[in-house]
Each structure stands twice: as C-alpha cells, then as structure tokens.
Amino acid sequence: MLLLSLLMLVLGLEQFRINKKLLGWLLIAVFLFILFVSIQGFVLN
C-alpha cells in the first residue's frame, strides 16, 4: 500500500510538470488518503 501511495505522489508531480493541474491535485489527494489509511493500518495492527 505504501508503494502505491508513493506511485500516486510521483504521478501527481509528473502531471503538475506537464501543466495538468487538476489531475495533479487529484492524484496528490489520493496519495494523502492512501498514506493516511496505511498509517492507520499500521497503528491499529
């Protein structure tokens, strides 16, 4: 799961680089959500 979140971050930054701001923000939001769920999973287990 953690690698998936890092992939979303890299894809989001890449979209910012090619001036697709909306998709970049969406992918960064997905990154933050997956990161939060991963951390929460580690804490609860």
C-alpha atoms as a PDB file:
ATOM      1  CA  MET A   1       0.000   0.000   0.000  1.00  0.00           C
ATOM      2  CA  LEU A   2       2.817   2.349   0.806  1.00  0.00           C
ATOM      3  CA  LEU A   3       4.359   1.862  -2.632  1.00  0.00           C
ATOM      4  CA  LEU A   4       1.000   2.605  -4.226  1.00  0.00           C
ATOM      5  CA  SER A   5       0.803   5.906  -2.361  1.00  0.00           C
ATOM      6  CA  LEU A   6       4.321   6.825  -3.486  1.00  0.00           C
ATOM      7  CA  LEU A   7       3.356   5.985  -7.064  1.00  0.00           C
ATOM      8  CA  MET A   8       0.355   8.327  -6.801  1.00  0.00           C
ATOM      9  CA  LEU A   9       2.635  11.085  -5.488  1.00  0.00           C
ATOM     10  CA  VAL A  10       5.088  10.659  -8.362  1.00  0.00           C
ATOM     11  CA  LEU A  11       2.267  10.592 -10.919  1.00  0.00           C
ATOM     12  CA  GLY A  12       0.731  13.720  -9.370  1.00  0.00           C
ATOM     13  CA  LEU A  13       4.024  15.594  -9.502  1.00  0.00           C
ATOM     14  CA  GLU A  14       4.506  14.485 -13.097  1.00  0.00           C
ATOM     15  CA  GLN A  15       1.071  15.857 -14.007  1.00  0.00           C
ATOM     16  CA  PHE A  16       1.998  19.188 -12.419  1.00  0.00           C
ATOM     17  CA  ARG A  17       5.143  19.238 -14.536  1.00  0.00           C
ATOM     18  CA  ILE A  18       3.164  18.929 -17.764  1.00  0.00           C
ATOM     19  CA  ASN A  19       0.617  21.562 -16.621  1.00  0.00           C
ATOM     20  CA  LYS A  20      -2.334  19.296 -15.862  1.00  0.00           C
ATOM     21  CA  LYS A  21      -3.069  20.885 -12.507  1.00  0.00           C
ATOM     22  CA  LEU A  22      -6.480  19.312 -11.826  1.00  0.00           C
ATOM     23  CA  LEU A  23      -5.268  15.753 -12.317  1.00  0.00           C
ATOM     24  CA  GLY A  24      -2.132  16.581 -10.309  1.00  0.00           C
ATOM     25  CA  TRP A  25      -4.201  17.750  -7.337  1.00  0.00           C
ATOM     26  CA  LEU A  26      -6.446  14.707  -7.607  1.00  0.00           C
ATOM     27  CA  LEU A  27      -3.502  12.298  -7.569  1.00  0.00           C
ATOM     28  CA  ILE A  28      -1.893  14.097  -4.621  1.00  0.00           C
ATOM     29  CA  ALA A  29      -5.196  13.879  -2.721  1.00  0.00           C
ATOM     30  CA  VAL A  30      -5.294  10.140  -3.469  1.00  0.00           C
ATOM     31  CA  PHE A  31      -1.690   9.899  -2.225  1.00  0.00           C
ATOM     32  CA  LEU A  32      -2.614  11.559   1.064  1.00  0.00           C
ATOM     33  CA  PHE A  33      -5.664   9.331   1.522  1.00  0.00           C
ATOM     34  CA  ILE A  34      -3.739   6.101   0.865  1.00  0.00           C
ATOM     35  CA  LEU A  35      -0.907   7.265   3.118  1.00  0.00           C
ATOM     36  CA  PHE A  36      -3.386   8.035   5.915  1.00  0.00           C
ATOM     37  CA  VAL A  37      -5.056   4.625   5.544  1.00  0.00           C
ATOM     38  CA  SER A  38      -1.665   2.866   5.535  1.00  0.00           C
ATOM     39  CA  ILE A  39      -0.503   4.644   8.682  1.00  0.00           C
ATOM     40  CA  GLN A  40      -3.828   3.952  10.358  1.00  0.00           C
ATOM     41  CA  GLY A  41      -3.496   0.268   9.432  1.00  0.00           C
ATOM     42  CA  PHE A  42      -0.034   0.106  10.990  1.00  0.00           C
ATOM     43  CA  VAL A  43      -1.237   1.780  14.192  1.00  0.00           C
ATOM     44  CA  LEU A  44      -4.307  -0.418  14.621  1.00  0.00           C
ATOM     45  CA  ASN A  45      -2.466  -3.686  13.984  1.00  0.00           C
END
